[in-house]
N, C-alpha and C. Protein backbone atom coordinates (compact mmCIF):
# COMPACT_ATOMS: atom_id res chain seq x y z
N MET A 1 0.72 -1.62 -0.02
CA MET A 1 0.08 0.03 -0.01
C MET A 1 0.73 1.55 0.01
N ILE A 2 0.52 2.00 -0.71
CA ILE A 2 1.60 3.57 -0.61
C ILE A 2 0.67 4.53 -0.26
N LEU A 3 1.27 4.98 0.54
CA LEU A 3 1.29 5.71 1.78
C LEU A 3 0.65 7.49 0.82
N LYS A 4 -0.36 7.74 0.94
CA LYS A 4 -0.16 9.10 -0.47
C LYS A 4 0.18 10.30 0.51
N ASN A 5 1.06 11.37 0.36
CA ASN A 5 1.93 12.90 1.02
C ASN A 5 2.79 12.29 1.59
N PHE A 6 3.55 11.24 1.68
CA PHE A 6 4.39 10.76 2.83
C PHE A 6 6.12 10.17 1.88
N ILE A 7 6.89 11.35 2.06
CA ILE A 7 7.76 11.24 1.28
C ILE A 7 9.05 10.29 2.67
N VAL A 8 9.46 10.24 1.77
CA VAL A 8 11.11 9.62 2.09
C VAL A 8 12.56 9.26 2.51
N PHE A 9 13.37 9.93 2.97
CA PHE A 9 14.68 10.04 2.14
C PHE A 9 15.68 8.82 2.87
N GLU A 10 16.76 8.01 2.28
CA GLU A 10 17.48 7.19 3.34
C GLU A 10 18.79 7.01 1.93
N GLY A 11 19.61 6.70 2.81
CA GLY A 11 20.98 6.52 3.17
C GLY A 11 21.50 6.15 4.03
N ILE A 12 23.41 6.04 3.34
CA ILE A 12 24.56 5.68 4.22
C ILE A 12 24.39 7.08 5.43
N ASP A 13 25.28 6.95 6.64
CA ASP A 13 25.26 7.95 7.43
C ASP A 13 26.32 8.77 7.22
N GLY A 14 26.01 10.61 7.03
CA GLY A 14 26.28 11.15 6.40
C GLY A 14 26.22 11.38 4.68
N ALA A 15 25.33 10.88 4.03
CA ALA A 15 24.28 11.51 2.92
C ALA A 15 24.16 12.58 2.90
N GLY A 16 23.81 13.37 4.24
CA GLY A 16 23.62 14.79 3.89
C GLY A 16 21.39 14.85 3.62
N THR A 17 21.34 14.03 3.59
CA THR A 17 19.59 13.10 3.73
C THR A 17 18.81 14.90 5.17
N SER A 18 19.93 15.03 6.29
CA SER A 18 18.93 15.68 7.33
C SER A 18 19.20 17.04 6.66
N THR A 19 19.93 17.07 6.54
CA THR A 19 20.32 18.64 5.54
C THR A 19 18.79 19.20 4.15
N GLN A 20 18.97 18.12 3.72
CA GLN A 20 18.24 17.65 2.66
C GLN A 20 16.91 18.29 2.79
N ILE A 21 16.06 17.47 4.21
CA ILE A 21 15.14 17.69 4.51
C ILE A 21 14.72 18.92 5.05
N LYS A 22 15.88 19.60 5.66
CA LYS A 22 16.05 20.64 6.57
C LYS A 22 15.72 21.88 4.83
N LYS A 23 15.85 22.22 4.63
CA LYS A 23 15.78 22.61 3.32
C LYS A 23 14.86 22.19 2.84
N LEU A 24 14.16 21.41 2.63
CA LEU A 24 12.23 21.29 1.84
C LEU A 24 11.16 22.06 2.74
N VAL A 25 11.88 22.20 3.85
CA VAL A 25 11.23 22.12 4.48
C VAL A 25 10.76 23.82 5.01
N GLU A 26 11.55 24.03 4.72
CA GLU A 26 12.16 25.82 4.77
C GLU A 26 11.79 26.30 4.18
N SER A 27 11.61 25.47 1.99
CA SER A 27 11.44 25.68 1.15
C SER A 27 9.67 26.66 2.06
N ASN A 28 9.04 25.47 1.59
CA ASN A 28 6.95 24.88 1.72
C ASN A 28 7.20 25.02 3.29
N PRO A 29 6.96 25.46 4.58
CA PRO A 29 6.61 24.37 5.58
C PRO A 29 5.44 24.08 6.07
N GLU A 30 4.24 25.06 5.20
CA GLU A 30 2.79 25.21 5.32
C GLU A 30 2.42 24.00 4.54
N LYS A 31 3.66 23.46 3.81
CA LYS A 31 3.10 22.22 3.06
C LYS A 31 3.92 20.56 3.54
N PHE A 32 5.09 21.57 3.85
CA PHE A 32 5.98 19.84 4.16
C PHE A 32 6.26 20.18 6.09
N MET A 33 6.33 19.16 6.38
CA MET A 33 6.62 19.09 7.53
C MET A 33 7.29 17.49 7.69
N ALA A 34 9.21 17.91 8.83
CA ALA A 34 9.85 16.76 9.12
C ALA A 34 10.27 16.17 10.06
N THR A 35 10.10 14.89 10.16
CA THR A 35 10.08 14.14 10.96
C THR A 35 11.24 13.14 10.41
N ALA A 36 11.01 12.00 11.21
CA ALA A 36 12.28 11.13 12.10
C ALA A 36 12.37 9.45 12.29
N GLU A 37 13.50 8.41 11.37
CA GLU A 37 13.37 7.74 12.13
C GLU A 37 14.82 7.74 12.97
N PRO A 38 14.93 6.99 14.40
CA PRO A 38 13.69 6.61 15.57
C PRO A 38 13.15 7.92 15.76
N THR A 39 12.01 7.65 16.04
CA THR A 39 11.86 8.94 16.77
C THR A 39 11.82 9.96 17.95
N SER A 40 11.20 10.81 18.68
CA SER A 40 11.64 11.56 19.62
C SER A 40 11.11 10.97 20.41
N GLY A 41 10.26 10.03 20.27
CA GLY A 41 9.66 8.84 21.91
C GLY A 41 10.02 7.88 22.44
N PRO A 42 9.27 7.69 24.08
CA PRO A 42 10.06 6.60 24.52
C PRO A 42 11.63 5.65 23.90
N THR A 43 10.33 4.82 22.55
CA THR A 43 11.31 3.31 22.61
C THR A 43 12.44 4.62 21.42
N GLY A 44 11.47 5.04 20.74
CA GLY A 44 12.61 6.53 20.06
C GLY A 44 14.30 6.70 20.81
N LYS A 45 13.90 7.15 22.32
CA LYS A 45 14.99 7.96 22.43
C LYS A 45 15.89 6.35 23.27
N PHE A 46 14.80 5.69 23.35
CA PHE A 46 15.81 4.58 23.80
C PHE A 46 17.06 3.98 22.64
N LEU A 47 16.71 3.68 21.21
CA LEU A 47 17.30 3.12 19.87
C LEU A 47 18.48 4.41 19.68
N ARG A 48 18.49 5.59 20.29
CA ARG A 48 18.82 6.15 20.03
C ARG A 48 20.32 6.19 21.49
N GLN A 49 19.70 6.27 21.99
CA GLN A 49 21.71 5.52 23.32
C GLN A 49 21.18 4.87 22.90
N MET A 50 21.53 3.42 22.51
CA MET A 50 21.64 2.28 21.64
C MET A 50 23.03 1.80 20.70
N LEU A 51 22.56 3.42 20.14
CA LEU A 51 23.09 3.99 18.40
C LEU A 51 24.25 4.36 19.48
N ALA A 52 24.21 5.46 20.29
CA ALA A 52 25.08 5.73 20.92
C ALA A 52 26.24 5.17 20.87
N GLY A 53 25.38 4.09 21.58
CA GLY A 53 27.36 3.26 22.41
C GLY A 53 26.84 3.29 23.48
N ASP A 54 25.82 3.58 24.31
CA ASP A 54 24.86 3.90 26.00
C ASP A 54 25.21 2.53 25.96
N PHE A 55 24.84 0.62 25.51
CA PHE A 55 24.50 0.35 25.67
C PHE A 55 24.35 -1.06 25.34
N GLN A 56 24.32 -1.48 24.94
CA GLN A 56 23.74 -3.00 24.05
C GLN A 56 22.82 -4.01 24.27
N VAL A 57 22.10 -4.29 22.93
CA VAL A 57 20.47 -5.01 23.27
C VAL A 57 21.48 -5.80 21.97
N ASP A 58 20.86 -7.25 21.82
CA ASP A 58 20.65 -7.71 21.38
C ASP A 58 20.16 -7.92 19.61
N GLU A 59 21.16 -8.21 18.59
CA GLU A 59 20.66 -7.51 16.62
C GLU A 59 19.04 -7.91 17.25
N ARG A 60 18.51 -8.71 17.36
CA ARG A 60 17.34 -9.19 16.96
C ARG A 60 16.25 -8.00 18.09
N THR A 61 16.61 -7.97 18.98
CA THR A 61 16.39 -7.23 20.08
C THR A 61 15.94 -6.05 19.06
N ASN A 62 17.00 -4.93 18.71
CA ASN A 62 16.94 -4.07 18.56
C ASN A 62 16.25 -3.98 16.85
N ALA A 63 16.17 -6.07 16.34
CA ALA A 63 14.89 -5.57 15.48
C ALA A 63 13.98 -4.44 15.63
N TYR A 64 13.27 -5.17 16.31
CA TYR A 64 12.13 -5.55 17.04
C TYR A 64 11.76 -4.13 17.66
N LEU A 65 12.90 -3.49 19.05
CA LEU A 65 12.14 -1.95 18.71
C LEU A 65 12.35 -0.15 17.19
N PHE A 66 13.07 -1.16 16.43
CA PHE A 66 12.83 0.32 15.98
C PHE A 66 11.51 -0.42 14.64
N ALA A 67 10.41 -1.64 14.86
CA ALA A 67 9.78 -2.13 13.78
C ALA A 67 8.55 -1.81 14.67
N ALA A 68 9.05 -1.53 16.60
CA ALA A 68 7.60 -1.22 17.11
C ALA A 68 7.98 0.88 17.43
N ASP A 69 9.19 1.06 17.56
CA ASP A 69 8.69 2.72 17.34
C ASP A 69 8.38 3.20 15.35
N ARG A 70 8.66 2.36 14.68
CA ARG A 70 7.92 2.72 13.56
C ARG A 70 6.66 2.81 13.23
N CYS A 71 5.72 1.71 14.25
CA CYS A 71 5.16 1.98 14.19
C CYS A 71 3.89 2.77 15.09
N GLN A 72 3.97 3.02 15.70
CA GLN A 72 4.10 4.54 16.85
C GLN A 72 4.18 5.68 15.59
N HIS A 73 5.27 5.37 15.32
CA HIS A 73 5.84 6.68 13.89
C HIS A 73 4.52 6.83 13.37
N ILE A 74 3.47 5.82 12.40
CA ILE A 74 2.94 6.12 11.59
C ILE A 74 1.40 5.96 12.66
N TYR A 75 1.05 5.08 13.05
CA TYR A 75 -0.41 5.19 13.32
C TYR A 75 -0.61 5.50 15.16
N GLY A 76 0.63 6.80 15.58
CA GLY A 76 0.54 7.06 16.60
C GLY A 76 0.15 8.44 16.32
N LYS A 77 -0.56 9.04 18.23
CA LYS A 77 -1.21 10.30 18.43
C LYS A 77 0.16 11.60 17.71
N ASP A 78 -0.29 12.13 16.85
CA ASP A 78 1.08 13.39 15.95
C ASP A 78 1.79 12.30 15.67
N GLY A 79 0.84 11.12 14.85
CA GLY A 79 2.33 10.22 13.84
C GLY A 79 1.61 11.26 12.19
N ILE A 80 2.75 9.65 11.82
CA ILE A 80 2.55 10.04 10.35
C ILE A 80 0.82 10.53 9.71
N ILE A 81 0.70 9.24 9.63
CA ILE A 81 -1.38 9.06 9.21
C ILE A 81 -1.34 10.36 9.50
N GLU A 82 -2.14 11.23 10.43
CA GLU A 82 -2.59 12.12 11.19
C GLU A 82 -2.32 13.50 10.92
N ASN A 83 -1.44 13.16 10.34
CA ASN A 83 -0.90 14.46 10.60
C ASN A 83 -0.69 14.93 8.31
N ILE A 84 -0.76 13.89 7.67
CA ILE A 84 -1.06 14.02 6.61
C ILE A 84 -2.88 14.36 6.35
N ASN A 85 -3.75 13.19 7.08
CA ASN A 85 -4.74 13.59 7.54
C ASN A 85 -5.00 15.30 7.86
N LYS A 86 -3.85 15.92 8.42
CA LYS A 86 -4.25 17.81 8.46
C LYS A 86 -3.70 18.41 7.61
N GLY A 87 -3.44 17.67 6.16
CA GLY A 87 -2.77 18.80 4.49
C GLY A 87 -1.51 18.62 4.60
N LYS A 88 -1.04 17.55 5.31
CA LYS A 88 0.52 17.51 5.43
C LYS A 88 1.05 16.82 4.91
N CYS A 89 2.19 17.82 4.03
CA CYS A 89 3.06 16.41 3.11
C CYS A 89 4.31 16.06 4.30
N ILE A 90 4.50 14.41 4.19
CA ILE A 90 5.01 13.91 5.81
C ILE A 90 6.68 14.00 4.94
N VAL A 91 7.89 14.08 5.37
CA VAL A 91 9.47 13.87 5.01
C VAL A 91 9.35 12.81 6.74
N SER A 92 9.63 12.41 5.87
CA SER A 92 10.72 11.49 7.15
C SER A 92 12.78 11.19 6.86
N ASP A 93 13.18 11.19 7.86
CA ASP A 93 14.77 11.07 7.62
C ASP A 93 14.38 9.92 8.06
N ARG A 94 14.66 9.06 6.84
CA ARG A 94 14.41 7.32 6.94
C ARG A 94 13.17 6.89 7.40
N TYR A 95 13.46 4.97 7.17
CA TYR A 95 12.20 4.05 7.23
C TYR A 95 12.43 2.87 7.54
N PHE A 96 11.47 1.82 6.84
CA PHE A 96 12.24 0.87 7.09
C PHE A 96 13.46 0.24 5.78
N PHE A 97 13.43 1.24 5.20
CA PHE A 97 14.30 0.72 3.80
C PHE A 97 15.36 0.79 4.84
N SER A 98 15.84 1.77 5.75
CA SER A 98 17.43 1.76 6.63
C SER A 98 17.58 0.35 7.69
N SER A 99 16.04 0.10 7.65
CA SER A 99 15.85 -1.62 9.06
C SER A 99 16.63 -2.47 8.01
N MET A 100 16.39 -2.66 6.96
CA MET A 100 16.94 -3.59 6.25
C MET A 100 18.32 -3.79 6.50
N ALA A 101 17.98 -2.07 6.03
CA ALA A 101 19.78 -2.06 4.73
C ALA A 101 21.15 -1.98 6.06
N TYR A 102 20.25 -1.80 7.59
CA TYR A 102 22.12 -1.96 8.12
C TYR A 102 21.40 -2.79 9.53
N GLN A 103 20.26 -3.51 9.83
CA GLN A 103 19.87 -4.39 10.88
C GLN A 103 20.26 -5.57 10.15
N SER A 104 19.94 -5.91 8.39
CA SER A 104 20.13 -7.01 7.96
C SER A 104 22.39 -7.93 8.44
N ILE A 105 22.77 -6.12 7.74
CA ILE A 105 24.26 -6.80 8.23
C ILE A 105 24.30 -7.75 9.43
N SER A 106 23.06 -7.35 10.13
CA SER A 106 23.86 -8.26 11.77
C SER A 106 23.01 -9.89 12.34
N CYS A 107 21.68 -9.37 11.49
CA CYS A 107 20.95 -10.51 12.62
C CYS A 107 20.64 -10.48 10.87
N GLY A 108 20.45 -10.70 9.29
CA GLY A 108 20.16 -11.71 8.26
C GLY A 108 18.96 -10.91 8.01
N GLN A 109 17.97 -11.13 6.54
CA GLN A 109 17.67 -10.81 6.13
C GLN A 109 16.60 -10.55 6.66
N GLU A 110 15.93 -12.00 6.42
CA GLU A 110 15.04 -12.35 7.03
C GLU A 110 13.61 -11.11 8.81
N LEU A 111 14.59 -11.64 9.53
CA LEU A 111 13.70 -10.73 10.44
C LEU A 111 12.98 -9.19 10.23
N PRO A 112 14.26 -8.72 9.31
CA PRO A 112 13.84 -6.92 9.46
C PRO A 112 12.72 -7.43 8.43
N LYS A 113 12.70 -8.11 7.73
CA LYS A 113 11.71 -7.83 5.88
C LYS A 113 10.57 -8.88 6.56
N LEU A 114 10.76 -9.08 7.53
CA LEU A 114 9.11 -9.67 8.36
C LEU A 114 8.77 -8.50 9.40
N LEU A 115 9.22 -8.16 10.05
CA LEU A 115 9.28 -7.10 10.50
C LEU A 115 8.30 -6.01 10.14
N ASN A 116 8.89 -6.10 8.58
CA ASN A 116 8.20 -4.60 8.39
C ASN A 116 7.55 -4.26 6.88
N SER A 117 6.95 -6.10 7.36
CA SER A 117 6.29 -5.72 5.39
C SER A 117 4.68 -5.43 5.94
N PRO A 118 4.24 -5.15 7.13
CA PRO A 118 3.50 -5.24 7.43
C PRO A 118 3.29 -3.30 6.42
N PHE A 119 3.63 -2.84 6.69
CA PHE A 119 4.36 -1.14 7.12
C PHE A 119 3.61 -0.78 5.87
N PRO A 120 3.19 0.42 4.69
CA PRO A 120 3.13 1.31 3.55
C PRO A 120 4.38 1.85 3.02
N LEU A 121 4.08 2.01 1.95
CA LEU A 121 4.80 2.54 1.44
C LEU A 121 4.73 3.99 0.21
N PRO A 122 6.09 5.00 1.06
CA PRO A 122 6.12 5.64 0.88
C PRO A 122 5.50 6.85 -0.57
N GLU A 123 4.76 7.18 -1.14
CA GLU A 123 4.39 7.78 -2.32
C GLU A 123 5.81 8.06 -3.10
N TYR A 124 7.50 8.99 -2.12
CA TYR A 124 8.47 9.18 -2.51
C TYR A 124 9.22 8.57 -2.15
N LEU A 125 10.37 8.10 -2.86
CA LEU A 125 11.81 7.42 -1.77
C LEU A 125 12.62 8.25 -2.86
N PHE A 126 13.19 9.19 -1.44
CA PHE A 126 14.57 9.57 -2.81
C PHE A 126 16.23 9.25 -1.57
N TYR A 127 16.49 8.14 -2.76
CA TYR A 127 17.61 7.59 -2.31
C TYR A 127 19.00 8.24 -2.72
N PHE A 128 19.82 8.08 -0.84
CA PHE A 128 20.86 9.35 -2.14
C PHE A 128 22.28 8.53 -1.89
N GLN A 129 23.27 8.65 -2.52
CA GLN A 129 23.81 7.00 -3.19
C GLN A 129 24.97 8.36 -2.84
N ILE A 130 26.71 7.79 -2.48
CA ILE A 130 27.20 8.44 -2.13
C ILE A 130 28.77 7.11 -1.93
N ASN A 131 29.98 7.10 -1.30
CA ASN A 131 31.24 6.08 -1.57
C ASN A 131 31.03 6.65 -0.09
N PRO A 132 31.24 5.81 1.11
CA PRO A 132 30.72 5.29 1.70
C PRO A 132 32.16 6.40 2.36
N GLU A 133 33.41 5.99 2.36
CA GLU A 133 34.50 7.11 2.48
C GLU A 133 34.27 9.12 2.09
N ILE A 134 33.31 9.21 1.92
CA ILE A 134 33.44 10.47 1.31
C ILE A 134 31.99 10.65 2.41
N SER A 135 31.75 10.02 2.38
CA SER A 135 30.08 10.54 3.57
C SER A 135 30.32 9.91 5.00
N LEU A 136 31.54 9.97 5.81
CA LEU A 136 32.34 9.43 6.89
C LEU A 136 33.13 10.19 6.72
N GLY A 137 33.51 10.93 6.12
CA GLY A 137 34.24 12.41 6.02
C GLY A 137 33.44 13.11 6.90
N ARG A 138 32.51 13.34 6.32
CA ARG A 138 31.91 14.29 6.03
C ARG A 138 31.12 13.70 7.87
N VAL A 139 30.75 12.86 8.41
CA VAL A 139 30.45 12.12 9.52
C VAL A 139 32.27 12.39 10.62
N ASN A 140 32.84 12.49 10.51
CA ASN A 140 33.86 12.79 10.69
C ASN A 140 34.36 14.11 11.16
N ALA A 141 34.12 14.96 10.49
CA ALA A 141 34.13 16.23 10.47
C ALA A 141 33.38 17.62 11.67
N ARG A 142 32.65 16.72 12.05
CA ARG A 142 31.00 16.36 12.46
C ARG A 142 32.14 17.37 13.78
N ASN A 143 32.73 15.98 14.35
CA ASN A 143 33.82 16.38 16.01
C ASN A 143 32.80 15.79 17.19
N GLU A 144 31.70 15.44 17.55
CA GLU A 144 31.22 14.66 17.44
C GLU A 144 31.05 13.26 18.04
N LYS A 145 30.42 12.93 19.04
CA LYS A 145 30.93 11.00 18.99
C LYS A 145 29.92 10.21 18.32
N LYS A 146 30.93 9.16 17.56
CA LYS A 146 30.12 8.90 17.03
C LYS A 146 29.19 7.97 17.03
N GLU A 147 28.26 6.87 16.36
CA GLU A 147 27.56 6.24 16.72
C GLU A 147 28.11 4.87 16.09
N ILE A 148 28.00 3.83 16.66
CA ILE A 148 27.69 2.36 16.72
C ILE A 148 28.24 1.37 15.03
N TYR A 149 27.42 3.14 14.17
CA TYR A 149 27.46 2.20 12.73
C TYR A 149 28.45 2.64 12.22
N GLU A 150 28.47 3.93 12.54
CA GLU A 150 30.07 4.47 11.73
C GLU A 150 30.93 3.97 11.74
N LYS A 151 31.38 2.74 10.78
CA LYS A 151 33.16 2.93 10.87
C LYS A 151 33.20 2.29 9.14
N LEU A 152 34.17 2.34 8.63
CA LEU A 152 34.31 2.13 7.27
C LEU A 152 33.46 1.19 6.85
N ASP A 153 34.28 0.44 7.60
CA ASP A 153 33.65 -1.28 6.78
C ASP A 153 32.57 -1.52 6.91
N LEU A 154 31.50 -0.74 7.86
CA LEU A 154 30.31 -1.34 7.97
C LEU A 154 29.37 -0.51 7.15
N GLN A 155 29.81 0.77 6.65
CA GLN A 155 28.87 1.56 5.87
C GLN A 155 29.23 0.92 4.45
N GLN A 156 30.08 0.53 4.47
CA GLN A 156 30.52 -0.34 3.36
C GLN A 156 29.36 -1.87 2.53
N LYS A 157 29.11 -1.94 3.77
CA LYS A 157 28.38 -2.80 3.54
C LYS A 157 27.37 -2.91 3.70
N ILE A 158 26.73 -2.43 4.69
CA ILE A 158 24.97 -1.60 4.76
C ILE A 158 24.90 -1.05 3.49
N SER A 159 26.33 -0.19 2.65
CA SER A 159 25.80 0.68 0.94
C SER A 159 26.03 0.07 0.11
N ASN A 160 25.70 -1.73 0.45
CA ASN A 160 25.89 -2.38 -0.24
C ASN A 160 24.34 -3.95 -0.34
N MET A 161 24.34 -2.85 0.93
CA MET A 161 22.67 -3.41 1.68
C MET A 161 21.24 -3.29 0.50
N TYR A 162 21.81 -1.35 0.81
CA TYR A 162 20.62 -0.62 0.42
C TYR A 162 20.87 -1.26 -0.93
N GLU A 163 21.69 -0.96 -1.58
CA GLU A 163 22.24 -0.87 -3.59
C GLU A 163 20.64 -2.60 -3.73
N GLU A 164 21.15 -3.46 -3.24
CA GLU A 164 20.08 -4.46 -3.12
C GLU A 164 18.74 -4.27 -2.98
N ILE A 165 18.31 -3.40 -1.73
CA ILE A 165 17.46 -3.28 -1.08
C ILE A 165 16.62 -2.63 -1.46
N ILE A 166 17.24 -1.64 -2.92
CA ILE A 166 16.85 -0.41 -3.78
C ILE A 166 16.51 -1.44 -5.67
N SER A 167 17.17 -1.55 -5.75
CA SER A 167 17.28 -2.15 -6.76
C SER A 167 15.77 -2.96 -6.92
N GLN A 168 16.07 -3.87 -6.26
CA GLN A 168 14.76 -4.55 -5.72
C GLN A 168 13.03 -4.15 -6.02
N TYR A 169 12.52 -3.13 -5.32
CA TYR A 169 11.59 -2.01 -5.02
C TYR A 169 12.06 -1.38 -6.70
N GLU A 170 12.96 -0.98 -7.36
CA GLU A 170 12.93 -0.29 -8.39
C GLU A 170 12.21 -1.18 -9.04
N LYS A 171 12.68 -2.75 -9.06
CA LYS A 171 11.52 -3.38 -10.10
C LYS A 171 10.46 -3.79 -9.87
N ASP A 172 10.38 -3.47 -8.28
CA ASP A 172 8.20 -4.19 -7.78
C ASP A 172 8.33 -2.45 -8.26
N ALA A 173 8.20 -1.80 -8.35
CA ALA A 173 7.69 -0.31 -8.72
C ALA A 173 6.20 -0.03 -9.31
N ALA A 174 6.03 -0.43 -10.90
CA ALA A 174 5.48 -0.59 -12.02
C ALA A 174 4.26 -1.09 -10.94
N ASN A 175 4.48 -2.01 -10.13
CA ASN A 175 3.25 -3.20 -9.46
C ASN A 175 3.17 -2.29 -8.06
N THR A 176 3.97 -1.22 -7.06
CA THR A 176 3.53 -1.04 -5.87
C THR A 176 2.95 0.08 -5.63
N GLY A 177 3.36 1.17 -7.60
CA GLY A 177 3.02 2.69 -7.24
C GLY A 177 4.74 3.65 -6.65
N ILE A 178 5.82 2.76 -6.00
CA ILE A 178 6.02 4.01 -5.38
C ILE A 178 7.01 4.35 -6.14
N LYS A 179 6.95 5.57 -6.11
CA LYS A 179 8.51 6.67 -6.79
C LYS A 179 9.53 6.77 -6.18
N ILE A 180 10.87 6.60 -6.98
CA ILE A 180 12.21 5.80 -6.09
C ILE A 180 13.00 6.96 -7.38
N ILE A 181 13.58 8.42 -6.56
CA ILE A 181 14.51 8.66 -7.39
C ILE A 181 16.24 8.74 -6.29
N ARG A 182 16.91 8.25 -7.63
CA ARG A 182 18.05 8.17 -6.86
C ARG A 182 18.83 9.50 -6.92
N ILE A 183 19.74 10.01 -5.39
CA ILE A 183 20.77 11.61 -5.49
C ILE A 183 22.11 10.97 -5.92
N ASP A 184 22.59 10.82 -6.97
CA ASP A 184 23.54 11.83 -6.62
C ASP A 184 24.40 12.61 -5.33
N ALA A 185 24.35 12.36 -3.50
CA ALA A 185 24.56 13.14 -2.85
C ALA A 185 25.98 13.34 -2.80
N SER A 186 27.06 13.28 -4.21
CA SER A 186 28.35 14.20 -3.78
C SER A 186 28.13 15.13 -4.53
N LYS A 187 26.59 15.91 -4.43
CA LYS A 187 26.96 17.40 -5.67
C LYS A 187 26.39 17.53 -4.37
N GLY A 188 26.25 18.59 -5.35
CA GLY A 188 26.14 20.72 -3.69
C GLY A 188 25.17 20.57 -2.81
N ILE A 189 24.85 21.03 -2.13
CA ILE A 189 24.02 21.63 -1.47
C ILE A 189 22.29 21.82 -2.04
N ASP A 190 22.86 23.23 -2.59
CA ASP A 190 21.83 23.61 -3.49
C ASP A 190 21.26 22.39 -4.79
N GLU A 191 22.35 22.39 -5.53
CA GLU A 191 22.22 21.59 -6.49
C GLU A 191 20.83 19.94 -6.76
N ILE A 192 21.26 19.59 -5.46
CA ILE A 192 20.31 18.16 -4.66
C ILE A 192 18.69 18.99 -4.24
N ALA A 193 19.59 20.22 -3.44
CA ALA A 193 18.13 20.34 -3.59
C ALA A 193 16.71 21.72 -3.91
N ALA A 194 17.09 21.56 -5.46
CA ALA A 194 16.61 22.13 -6.03
C ALA A 194 15.98 20.75 -7.28
N LEU A 195 16.92 19.92 -7.05
CA LEU A 195 16.37 18.73 -8.37
C LEU A 195 15.60 17.99 -7.44
N ILE A 196 15.80 18.12 -5.99
CA ILE A 196 14.69 17.49 -5.17
C ILE A 196 12.95 18.43 -5.39
N LYS A 197 13.90 19.18 -5.60
CA LYS A 197 11.99 19.87 -5.59
C LYS A 197 11.03 20.08 -6.71
N SER A 198 11.80 19.83 -7.75
CA SER A 198 11.13 19.83 -8.75
C SER A 198 10.76 18.73 -9.33
N HIS A 199 11.21 17.42 -8.82
CA HIS A 199 10.67 15.99 -7.55
C HIS A 199 8.99 16.42 -7.12
N LEU A 200 8.74 17.07 -6.71
CA LEU A 200 8.02 17.94 -5.74
C LEU A 200 7.17 18.48 -5.55
N GLU A 201 7.22 18.95 -7.38
CA GLU A 201 6.30 20.27 -7.10
C GLU A 201 4.95 19.81 -7.55
N ASN A 202 4.60 18.97 -8.48
CA ASN A 202 3.02 18.30 -7.81
C ASN A 202 2.33 17.79 -6.87
N ILE A 203 3.60 17.36 -5.91
CA ILE A 203 2.29 16.01 -4.94
C ILE A 203 1.35 16.78 -4.17
C-alpha cells in the first residue's frame, strides 16, 4: 500500500538526508513537515542511546524495537497518518529501508523483512547514493561522538545492502506505485535541493 503525501529520504550516515529535509521544509513550511527515525518518542530515545553506544542489545531485539518505534511513528498520536490527514506532506529522515539495510548486516535479512512487511510504502523515496569514504569523512568533520554503525567497513556493507534493497523495490515499482529517485549525494547542497523540489512540484 502506498501512503500518499509521505516522502522518505534514505542513505548511509553522512549522505546529507537531514540537510536536504531541512532545506525542503524551510522552502515551504506550510506544506512540508519533517520527521525522523528513530523518533523522539520513548522507544526512539532508547534506540538513540543504543546507537550512541551507551549500552548493547541483541540485534534481534534491536530489529523489534525499530519496528515498534516505526509503528507508533505511523499510526500513533501526532504520527505520520494523523498529520497527513491534517493536510501535511510528511518528509521522514529514514524509514524501514534503513532497518532492512542496517539490521540485515547483523541479524540477517529475514527478520527485518518480516517485521517491516506490514508497513505502508511512501509515495516518494529519495535514495542518496555516496561513496562511504566521502560520507564518513563528513561524519568525522562534525567532531561529534560517533554512533556504533559509523565505521568504514560497516558503512561499505550497509551501502551494498541498500543497493540490493533499493534495486528490488525499483523492479517492483510498476506494481507498487512507489516513485524512487536516486540522488548523487556528492553534488552540491543547492543542486540536490533543486532536483528534489522539481520532483515534488505536483505532490
